[in-house]
């Protein structure tokens, strides 16, 4: 596998300037929606959540980083199945505002996932490469490749300067 290249861009979002990362696949949008919202599917590439999302609160465990990780409380700000979910969460001392949007073009059959995070949410030089890594793990799941072949060392620190320049 060749070295990955950073793909993030910035744009104005509903709460301010965001970094946005996009991935596209020739796959049913329901597949992507399940992979970003169903705990057992989410765990294949990033982690799992526990709790009742209907309550507006879940706890997220980033198990891709290891089995012994602490959970992070996530507030479900909005959820419009099967199109978008918006979350607020705390990672360490930082608060994060995340949105995931699934769009489908019926003509081409392409499904697009866009992940957006407020730039003000923390150190983008670290966050951007991290999302690239996780989204490429998601791509591996969708494309039937070995998710463990995606190595964080290929993303960080090599992409950090690119993301720092976006801030």
N, C-alpha and C. Protein backbone atom coordinates (compact mmCIF):
# COMPACT_ATOMS: atom_id res chain seq x y z
N UNK A 1 0.84 -1.18 0.00
CA UNK A 1 0.00 0.00 0.00
C UNK A 1 0.88 1.24 0.00
N UNK A 2 0.57 2.21 -0.84
CA UNK A 2 1.33 3.45 -0.88
C UNK A 2 0.95 4.33 0.31
N UNK A 3 1.82 5.27 0.62
CA UNK A 3 1.57 6.16 1.75
C UNK A 3 0.30 6.98 1.50
N UNK A 4 -0.55 7.11 2.50
CA UNK A 4 -1.77 7.90 2.33
C UNK A 4 -1.46 9.39 2.24
N UNK A 5 -2.34 10.11 1.57
CA UNK A 5 -2.20 11.55 1.43
C UNK A 5 -3.34 12.23 2.18
N UNK A 6 -3.08 13.39 2.81
CA UNK A 6 -4.14 14.08 3.53
C UNK A 6 -5.21 14.59 2.57
N UNK A 7 -6.45 14.54 3.02
CA UNK A 7 -7.58 14.93 2.17
C UNK A 7 -8.45 16.02 2.78
N UNK A 8 -8.19 16.40 4.01
CA UNK A 8 -9.05 17.36 4.70
C UNK A 8 -9.04 18.73 4.06
N UNK A 9 -10.17 19.40 4.19
CA UNK A 9 -10.33 20.79 3.75
C UNK A 9 -11.00 21.55 4.88
N UNK A 10 -11.07 22.86 4.74
CA UNK A 10 -11.80 23.65 5.72
C UNK A 10 -12.95 24.37 5.04
N UNK A 11 -13.98 24.63 5.82
CA UNK A 11 -15.16 25.34 5.33
C UNK A 11 -15.91 25.89 6.53
N UNK A 12 -16.78 26.86 6.27
CA UNK A 12 -17.62 27.38 7.34
C UNK A 12 -18.78 26.43 7.58
N UNK A 13 -18.98 26.06 8.84
CA UNK A 13 -20.08 25.19 9.24
C UNK A 13 -21.04 25.94 10.13
N UNK A 14 -22.05 25.25 10.65
CA UNK A 14 -23.08 25.90 11.46
C UNK A 14 -22.56 26.50 12.77
N UNK A 15 -21.44 26.01 13.28
CA UNK A 15 -20.89 26.53 14.54
C UNK A 15 -19.56 27.25 14.35
N UNK A 16 -19.11 27.36 13.11
CA UNK A 16 -17.83 28.01 12.86
C UNK A 16 -17.01 27.23 11.84
N UNK A 17 -15.73 27.57 11.76
CA UNK A 17 -14.82 26.95 10.80
C UNK A 17 -14.60 25.48 11.15
N UNK A 18 -14.71 24.61 10.15
CA UNK A 18 -14.60 23.17 10.34
C UNK A 18 -13.51 22.59 9.45
N UNK A 19 -12.94 21.50 9.90
CA UNK A 19 -12.15 20.65 9.02
C UNK A 19 -13.10 19.55 8.56
N UNK A 20 -13.05 19.25 7.26
CA UNK A 20 -13.94 18.24 6.68
C UNK A 20 -13.13 17.20 5.94
N UNK A 21 -13.51 15.95 6.16
CA UNK A 21 -12.89 14.83 5.46
C UNK A 21 -14.00 14.04 4.80
N UNK A 22 -13.77 13.64 3.56
CA UNK A 22 -14.79 12.96 2.77
C UNK A 22 -14.24 11.66 2.21
N UNK A 23 -15.10 10.67 2.20
CA UNK A 23 -14.79 9.40 1.54
C UNK A 23 -16.00 9.01 0.69
N UNK A 24 -15.73 8.35 -0.45
CA UNK A 24 -16.80 7.94 -1.37
C UNK A 24 -16.64 6.46 -1.72
N UNK A 25 -17.80 5.79 -1.80
CA UNK A 25 -17.80 4.38 -2.16
C UNK A 25 -19.00 4.07 -3.03
N UNK A 26 -18.85 3.07 -3.85
CA UNK A 26 -19.95 2.52 -4.65
C UNK A 26 -20.62 1.47 -3.76
N UNK A 27 -21.44 1.93 -2.83
CA UNK A 27 -22.06 1.05 -1.85
C UNK A 27 -23.39 1.67 -1.41
N UNK A 28 -24.27 0.83 -0.94
CA UNK A 28 -25.56 1.29 -0.44
C UNK A 28 -25.37 2.24 0.74
N UNK A 29 -26.09 3.36 0.80
CA UNK A 29 -25.91 4.30 1.91
C UNK A 29 -26.25 3.69 3.26
N UNK A 30 -27.15 2.71 3.28
CA UNK A 30 -27.49 2.05 4.54
C UNK A 30 -26.30 1.34 5.16
N UNK A 31 -25.42 0.81 4.32
CA UNK A 31 -24.21 0.16 4.81
C UNK A 31 -23.32 1.16 5.54
N UNK A 32 -23.12 2.33 4.95
CA UNK A 32 -22.29 3.36 5.57
C UNK A 32 -22.95 3.85 6.85
N UNK A 33 -24.26 4.09 6.81
CA UNK A 33 -24.98 4.56 7.99
C UNK A 33 -24.81 3.58 9.15
N UNK A 34 -24.97 2.30 8.88
CA UNK A 34 -24.80 1.30 9.94
C UNK A 34 -23.38 1.30 10.49
N UNK A 35 -22.40 1.47 9.62
CA UNK A 35 -21.00 1.45 10.06
C UNK A 35 -20.64 2.65 10.92
N UNK A 36 -21.39 3.74 10.83
CA UNK A 36 -21.10 4.90 11.67
C UNK A 36 -22.06 5.04 12.85
N UNK A 37 -23.12 4.22 12.91
CA UNK A 37 -24.09 4.39 14.00
C UNK A 37 -24.38 3.14 14.82
N UNK A 38 -24.19 1.97 14.28
CA UNK A 38 -24.48 0.72 15.00
C UNK A 38 -23.21 0.28 15.72
N UNK A 39 -23.29 0.14 17.04
CA UNK A 39 -22.11 -0.11 17.86
C UNK A 39 -21.26 -1.28 17.35
N UNK A 40 -21.89 -2.40 17.05
CA UNK A 40 -21.13 -3.57 16.61
C UNK A 40 -20.42 -3.33 15.28
N UNK A 41 -21.01 -2.51 14.42
CA UNK A 41 -20.38 -2.20 13.13
C UNK A 41 -19.30 -1.13 13.31
N UNK A 42 -19.57 -0.15 14.16
CA UNK A 42 -18.62 0.92 14.45
C UNK A 42 -17.32 0.35 15.02
N UNK A 43 -17.47 -0.70 15.83
CA UNK A 43 -16.30 -1.29 16.48
C UNK A 43 -15.35 -1.94 15.47
N UNK A 44 -15.82 -2.23 14.28
CA UNK A 44 -14.94 -2.82 13.27
C UNK A 44 -13.84 -1.87 12.83
N UNK A 45 -14.04 -0.55 13.02
CA UNK A 45 -13.05 0.39 12.50
C UNK A 45 -12.60 1.47 13.48
N UNK A 46 -13.40 1.78 14.50
CA UNK A 46 -13.00 2.86 15.41
C UNK A 46 -13.26 2.53 16.87
N UNK A 47 -14.42 2.05 17.20
CA UNK A 47 -14.76 1.78 18.60
C UNK A 47 -16.22 1.44 18.74
N UNK A 48 -16.65 1.32 19.97
CA UNK A 48 -18.05 0.98 20.23
C UNK A 48 -18.65 2.03 21.16
N UNK A 49 -19.97 2.07 21.16
CA UNK A 49 -20.64 2.91 22.14
C UNK A 49 -21.51 2.03 23.03
N UNK A 50 -21.76 2.53 24.23
CA UNK A 50 -22.63 1.85 25.18
C UNK A 50 -23.66 2.85 25.67
N UNK A 51 -24.85 2.35 25.95
CA UNK A 51 -25.92 3.21 26.43
C UNK A 51 -27.08 3.19 25.47
N UNK A 52 -28.03 4.06 25.71
CA UNK A 52 -29.23 4.16 24.89
C UNK A 52 -29.20 5.47 24.12
N UNK A 53 -28.92 5.43 22.82
CA UNK A 53 -28.82 6.68 22.05
C UNK A 53 -30.12 7.48 22.06
N UNK A 54 -31.25 6.82 22.30
CA UNK A 54 -32.53 7.55 22.37
C UNK A 54 -32.56 8.50 23.56
N UNK A 55 -31.71 8.23 24.57
CA UNK A 55 -31.63 9.11 25.74
C UNK A 55 -30.86 10.39 25.42
N UNK A 56 -30.15 10.39 24.29
CA UNK A 56 -29.33 11.54 23.92
C UNK A 56 -27.91 11.46 24.45
N UNK A 57 -27.57 10.38 25.16
CA UNK A 57 -26.23 10.21 25.72
C UNK A 57 -25.76 8.78 25.49
N UNK A 58 -24.53 8.63 25.06
CA UNK A 58 -23.88 7.32 25.00
C UNK A 58 -22.44 7.51 25.46
N UNK A 59 -21.78 6.42 25.74
CA UNK A 59 -20.38 6.46 26.08
C UNK A 59 -19.61 5.79 24.95
N UNK A 60 -18.61 6.49 24.41
CA UNK A 60 -17.84 5.99 23.28
C UNK A 60 -16.49 5.48 23.76
N UNK A 61 -16.15 4.27 23.33
CA UNK A 61 -14.87 3.65 23.64
C UNK A 61 -14.11 3.48 22.33
N UNK A 62 -12.99 4.18 22.20
CA UNK A 62 -12.17 4.13 20.98
C UNK A 62 -11.30 2.87 21.02
N UNK A 63 -11.92 1.72 20.83
CA UNK A 63 -11.24 0.43 20.99
C UNK A 63 -10.21 0.15 19.91
N UNK A 64 -10.21 0.90 18.82
CA UNK A 64 -9.16 0.72 17.81
C UNK A 64 -7.81 1.10 18.40
N UNK A 65 -7.83 1.87 19.50
CA UNK A 65 -6.59 2.29 20.16
C UNK A 65 -6.14 1.30 21.23
N UNK A 66 -6.90 0.23 21.43
CA UNK A 66 -6.57 -0.79 22.43
C UNK A 66 -7.82 -1.21 23.17
N UNK A 67 -7.72 -2.31 23.88
CA UNK A 67 -8.88 -2.84 24.58
C UNK A 67 -9.16 -2.13 25.90
N UNK A 68 -8.14 -1.56 26.51
CA UNK A 68 -8.27 -0.96 27.83
C UNK A 68 -8.34 0.57 27.71
N UNK A 69 -9.42 1.07 27.11
CA UNK A 69 -9.58 2.51 26.92
C UNK A 69 -10.74 3.01 27.76
N UNK A 70 -10.63 4.25 28.21
CA UNK A 70 -11.72 4.87 28.96
C UNK A 70 -12.77 5.36 27.98
N UNK A 71 -14.00 5.33 28.43
CA UNK A 71 -15.08 5.84 27.60
C UNK A 71 -15.15 7.36 27.66
N UNK A 72 -15.68 7.93 26.61
CA UNK A 72 -15.92 9.37 26.53
C UNK A 72 -17.41 9.59 26.38
N UNK A 73 -17.97 10.46 27.21
CA UNK A 73 -19.40 10.74 27.12
C UNK A 73 -19.70 11.51 25.84
N UNK A 74 -20.69 11.04 25.11
CA UNK A 74 -21.12 11.70 23.87
C UNK A 74 -22.57 12.13 24.00
N UNK A 75 -22.83 13.35 23.64
CA UNK A 75 -24.20 13.85 23.57
C UNK A 75 -24.64 13.81 22.12
N UNK A 76 -25.76 13.17 21.87
CA UNK A 76 -26.32 13.13 20.52
C UNK A 76 -27.10 14.44 20.35
N UNK A 77 -26.51 15.38 19.62
CA UNK A 77 -27.13 16.69 19.40
C UNK A 77 -28.31 16.56 18.46
N UNK A 78 -28.10 15.81 17.38
CA UNK A 78 -29.19 15.54 16.44
C UNK A 78 -28.88 14.26 15.68
N UNK A 79 -29.94 13.62 15.24
CA UNK A 79 -29.79 12.40 14.46
C UNK A 79 -30.93 12.34 13.46
N UNK A 80 -30.60 12.27 12.19
CA UNK A 80 -31.58 12.22 11.11
C UNK A 80 -31.26 10.99 10.26
N UNK A 81 -31.68 9.80 10.74
CA UNK A 81 -31.37 8.57 10.01
C UNK A 81 -32.00 8.56 8.63
N UNK A 82 -31.36 8.05 7.66
CA UNK A 82 -29.99 7.54 7.61
C UNK A 82 -29.02 8.55 7.02
N UNK A 83 -29.23 9.83 7.34
CA UNK A 83 -28.46 10.87 6.69
C UNK A 83 -27.40 11.53 7.55
N UNK A 84 -27.72 11.88 8.80
CA UNK A 84 -26.73 12.63 9.57
C UNK A 84 -26.86 12.39 11.07
N UNK A 85 -25.73 12.50 11.72
CA UNK A 85 -25.68 12.47 13.18
C UNK A 85 -24.66 13.53 13.61
N UNK A 86 -25.03 14.28 14.65
CA UNK A 86 -24.18 15.33 15.20
C UNK A 86 -23.94 15.00 16.67
N UNK A 87 -22.68 15.04 17.08
CA UNK A 87 -22.29 14.65 18.43
C UNK A 87 -21.42 15.72 19.07
N UNK A 88 -21.59 15.89 20.37
CA UNK A 88 -20.65 16.65 21.18
C UNK A 88 -20.01 15.66 22.14
N UNK A 89 -18.71 15.74 22.30
CA UNK A 89 -18.01 14.82 23.19
C UNK A 89 -16.79 15.52 23.78
N UNK A 90 -16.26 14.94 24.82
CA UNK A 90 -15.03 15.44 25.43
C UNK A 90 -13.95 14.40 25.24
N UNK A 91 -12.80 14.84 24.79
CA UNK A 91 -11.63 13.98 24.64
C UNK A 91 -10.53 14.63 25.46
N UNK A 92 -10.22 14.03 26.61
CA UNK A 92 -9.29 14.67 27.53
C UNK A 92 -9.92 15.97 28.02
N UNK A 93 -9.17 17.05 27.92
CA UNK A 93 -9.69 18.36 28.33
C UNK A 93 -10.38 19.10 27.20
N UNK A 94 -10.40 18.51 26.01
CA UNK A 94 -10.98 19.18 24.84
C UNK A 94 -12.42 18.74 24.62
N UNK A 95 -13.26 19.69 24.23
CA UNK A 95 -14.62 19.37 23.79
C UNK A 95 -14.62 19.33 22.28
N UNK A 96 -15.29 18.33 21.73
CA UNK A 96 -15.35 18.16 20.28
C UNK A 96 -16.79 18.24 19.81
N UNK A 97 -16.98 18.90 18.68
CA UNK A 97 -18.27 18.93 18.00
C UNK A 97 -18.06 18.25 16.65
N UNK A 98 -18.71 17.10 16.46
CA UNK A 98 -18.53 16.29 15.26
C UNK A 98 -19.85 16.12 14.52
N UNK A 99 -19.77 16.08 13.21
CA UNK A 99 -20.95 15.70 12.42
C UNK A 99 -20.51 14.69 11.36
N UNK A 100 -21.39 13.74 11.13
CA UNK A 100 -21.19 12.74 10.07
C UNK A 100 -22.42 12.79 9.19
N UNK A 101 -22.19 12.97 7.89
CA UNK A 101 -23.28 13.08 6.93
C UNK A 101 -23.09 12.05 5.83
N UNK A 102 -24.16 11.32 5.54
CA UNK A 102 -24.15 10.30 4.49
C UNK A 102 -25.05 10.80 3.36
N UNK A 103 -24.48 10.94 2.18
CA UNK A 103 -25.23 11.35 0.99
C UNK A 103 -25.12 10.26 -0.07
N UNK A 104 -26.17 10.11 -0.84
CA UNK A 104 -26.17 9.09 -1.89
C UNK A 104 -26.63 9.71 -3.20
N UNK A 105 -25.89 9.45 -4.26
CA UNK A 105 -26.25 9.88 -5.60
C UNK A 105 -26.82 8.66 -6.32
N UNK A 106 -28.13 8.65 -6.50
CA UNK A 106 -28.78 7.50 -7.12
C UNK A 106 -28.33 7.28 -8.56
N UNK A 107 -27.96 8.34 -9.25
CA UNK A 107 -27.53 8.21 -10.64
C UNK A 107 -26.21 7.45 -10.75
N UNK A 108 -25.25 7.83 -9.94
CA UNK A 108 -23.92 7.19 -10.00
C UNK A 108 -23.82 5.98 -9.07
N UNK A 109 -24.70 5.92 -8.08
CA UNK A 109 -24.62 4.85 -7.09
C UNK A 109 -23.57 5.12 -6.02
N UNK A 110 -22.98 6.31 -6.04
CA UNK A 110 -21.93 6.65 -5.07
C UNK A 110 -22.53 7.15 -3.76
N UNK A 111 -21.98 6.66 -2.67
CA UNK A 111 -22.34 7.13 -1.34
C UNK A 111 -21.15 7.90 -0.79
N UNK A 112 -21.42 9.08 -0.25
CA UNK A 112 -20.38 9.95 0.29
C UNK A 112 -20.58 10.11 1.79
N UNK A 113 -19.51 9.91 2.53
CA UNK A 113 -19.50 10.19 3.97
C UNK A 113 -18.64 11.42 4.19
N UNK A 114 -19.18 12.41 4.87
CA UNK A 114 -18.42 13.59 5.25
C UNK A 114 -18.37 13.68 6.76
N UNK A 115 -17.17 13.73 7.30
CA UNK A 115 -16.96 13.93 8.72
C UNK A 115 -16.45 15.36 8.89
N UNK A 116 -17.09 16.11 9.78
CA UNK A 116 -16.67 17.49 10.03
C UNK A 116 -16.44 17.68 11.53
N UNK A 117 -15.41 18.46 11.86
CA UNK A 117 -15.12 18.79 13.24
C UNK A 117 -14.72 20.25 13.32
N UNK A 118 -15.22 20.96 14.34
CA UNK A 118 -14.84 22.35 14.52
C UNK A 118 -13.33 22.48 14.67
N UNK A 119 -12.75 23.44 13.98
CA UNK A 119 -11.31 23.68 14.11
C UNK A 119 -10.96 24.13 15.52
N UNK A 120 -11.88 24.80 16.19
CA UNK A 120 -11.62 25.30 17.54
C UNK A 120 -11.56 24.18 18.57
N UNK A 121 -11.85 22.95 18.15
CA UNK A 121 -11.96 21.84 19.09
C UNK A 121 -10.64 21.30 19.60
N UNK A 122 -9.55 21.77 19.13
CA UNK A 122 -8.29 21.23 19.64
C UNK A 122 -7.19 21.30 18.62
N UNK A 123 -6.19 20.49 18.83
CA UNK A 123 -4.98 20.50 18.01
C UNK A 123 -5.23 19.79 16.69
N UNK A 124 -5.57 20.56 15.67
CA UNK A 124 -5.92 20.00 14.37
C UNK A 124 -4.75 19.23 13.76
N UNK A 125 -3.53 19.60 14.10
CA UNK A 125 -2.36 18.89 13.56
C UNK A 125 -2.34 17.43 14.02
N UNK A 126 -3.00 17.14 15.13
CA UNK A 126 -3.11 15.76 15.61
C UNK A 126 -4.46 15.15 15.23
N UNK A 127 -5.51 15.95 15.29
CA UNK A 127 -6.86 15.46 15.03
C UNK A 127 -7.05 15.06 13.56
N UNK A 128 -6.58 15.90 12.64
CA UNK A 128 -6.75 15.61 11.20
C UNK A 128 -6.15 14.27 10.80
N UNK A 129 -4.87 14.02 11.13
CA UNK A 129 -4.30 12.72 10.79
C UNK A 129 -5.05 11.56 11.44
N UNK A 130 -5.55 11.79 12.65
CA UNK A 130 -6.32 10.74 13.32
C UNK A 130 -7.58 10.37 12.57
N UNK A 131 -8.32 11.39 12.11
CA UNK A 131 -9.54 11.09 11.34
C UNK A 131 -9.21 10.45 10.00
N UNK A 132 -8.11 10.87 9.37
CA UNK A 132 -7.70 10.21 8.12
C UNK A 132 -7.50 8.71 8.37
N UNK A 133 -6.81 8.41 9.45
CA UNK A 133 -6.53 7.02 9.83
C UNK A 133 -7.83 6.24 10.05
N UNK A 134 -8.73 6.80 10.85
CA UNK A 134 -9.97 6.08 11.14
C UNK A 134 -10.84 5.93 9.89
N UNK A 135 -10.92 6.95 9.06
CA UNK A 135 -11.73 6.84 7.85
C UNK A 135 -11.12 5.84 6.86
N UNK A 136 -9.81 5.74 6.84
CA UNK A 136 -9.20 4.71 5.99
C UNK A 136 -9.43 3.31 6.56
N UNK A 137 -9.54 3.19 7.87
CA UNK A 137 -9.94 1.91 8.47
C UNK A 137 -11.38 1.58 8.07
N UNK A 138 -12.25 2.59 8.08
CA UNK A 138 -13.63 2.39 7.63
C UNK A 138 -13.63 1.93 6.17
N UNK A 139 -12.84 2.58 5.33
CA UNK A 139 -12.75 2.19 3.92
C UNK A 139 -12.31 0.74 3.80
N UNK A 140 -11.38 0.32 4.63
CA UNK A 140 -10.92 -1.07 4.58
C UNK A 140 -12.07 -2.03 4.89
N UNK A 141 -12.89 -1.69 5.86
CA UNK A 141 -14.05 -2.53 6.20
C UNK A 141 -15.00 -2.61 5.01
N UNK A 142 -15.34 -1.45 4.45
CA UNK A 142 -16.29 -1.40 3.33
C UNK A 142 -15.76 -2.16 2.12
N UNK A 143 -14.47 -2.03 1.87
CA UNK A 143 -13.86 -2.63 0.68
C UNK A 143 -13.37 -4.07 0.91
N UNK A 144 -13.59 -4.60 2.11
CA UNK A 144 -13.21 -5.99 2.39
C UNK A 144 -11.72 -6.21 2.54
N UNK A 145 -10.99 -5.16 2.91
CA UNK A 145 -9.55 -5.28 3.14
C UNK A 145 -9.27 -5.46 4.63
N UNK A 146 -8.05 -5.80 4.96
CA UNK A 146 -7.65 -6.00 6.35
C UNK A 146 -7.51 -4.66 7.06
N UNK A 147 -8.38 -4.39 8.00
CA UNK A 147 -8.37 -3.13 8.73
C UNK A 147 -7.07 -2.96 9.52
N UNK A 148 -6.46 -4.06 9.94
CA UNK A 148 -5.23 -3.98 10.72
C UNK A 148 -4.01 -3.62 9.87
N UNK A 149 -4.16 -3.64 8.56
CA UNK A 149 -3.08 -3.22 7.67
C UNK A 149 -2.96 -1.69 7.61
N UNK A 150 -3.97 -0.99 8.11
CA UNK A 150 -3.94 0.47 8.17
C UNK A 150 -3.20 0.85 9.45
N UNK A 151 -2.05 1.50 9.30
CA UNK A 151 -1.17 1.79 10.44
C UNK A 151 -1.16 3.28 10.75
N UNK A 152 -1.40 3.63 12.01
CA UNK A 152 -1.42 5.03 12.42
C UNK A 152 -0.10 5.74 12.11
N UNK A 153 0.99 5.02 12.16
CA UNK A 153 2.30 5.62 11.89
C UNK A 153 2.41 6.15 10.46
N UNK A 154 1.56 5.69 9.56
CA UNK A 154 1.55 6.22 8.19
C UNK A 154 0.83 7.57 8.10
N UNK A 155 0.17 7.98 9.16
CA UNK A 155 -0.65 9.20 9.16
C UNK A 155 -0.07 10.29 10.06
N UNK A 156 0.45 9.90 11.17
CA UNK A 156 0.95 10.86 12.15
C UNK A 156 2.38 10.47 12.52
N UNK A 157 3.33 11.37 12.41
CA UNK A 157 3.20 12.81 12.23
C UNK A 157 3.27 13.29 10.78
N UNK A 158 3.33 12.40 9.79
CA UNK A 158 3.58 12.84 8.41
C UNK A 158 2.52 13.79 7.87
N UNK A 159 1.29 13.73 8.36
CA UNK A 159 0.23 14.63 7.88
C UNK A 159 0.04 15.86 8.77
N UNK A 160 0.78 15.94 9.85
CA UNK A 160 0.55 17.01 10.84
C UNK A 160 0.77 18.41 10.27
N UNK A 161 1.82 18.62 9.49
CA UNK A 161 2.08 19.95 8.93
C UNK A 161 0.95 20.38 8.00
N UNK A 162 0.45 19.46 7.20
CA UNK A 162 -0.66 19.76 6.30
C UNK A 162 -1.85 20.29 7.10
N UNK A 163 -2.20 19.58 8.17
CA UNK A 163 -3.36 19.99 8.96
C UNK A 163 -3.10 21.25 9.77
N UNK A 164 -1.89 21.43 10.27
CA UNK A 164 -1.57 22.66 10.99
C UNK A 164 -1.75 23.87 10.09
N UNK A 165 -1.43 23.73 8.81
CA UNK A 165 -1.57 24.84 7.86
C UNK A 165 -3.03 25.19 7.58
N UNK A 166 -3.95 24.27 7.86
CA UNK A 166 -5.37 24.55 7.64
C UNK A 166 -5.97 25.44 8.73
N UNK A 167 -5.35 25.44 9.90
CA UNK A 167 -5.91 26.17 11.05
C UNK A 167 -5.92 27.67 10.84
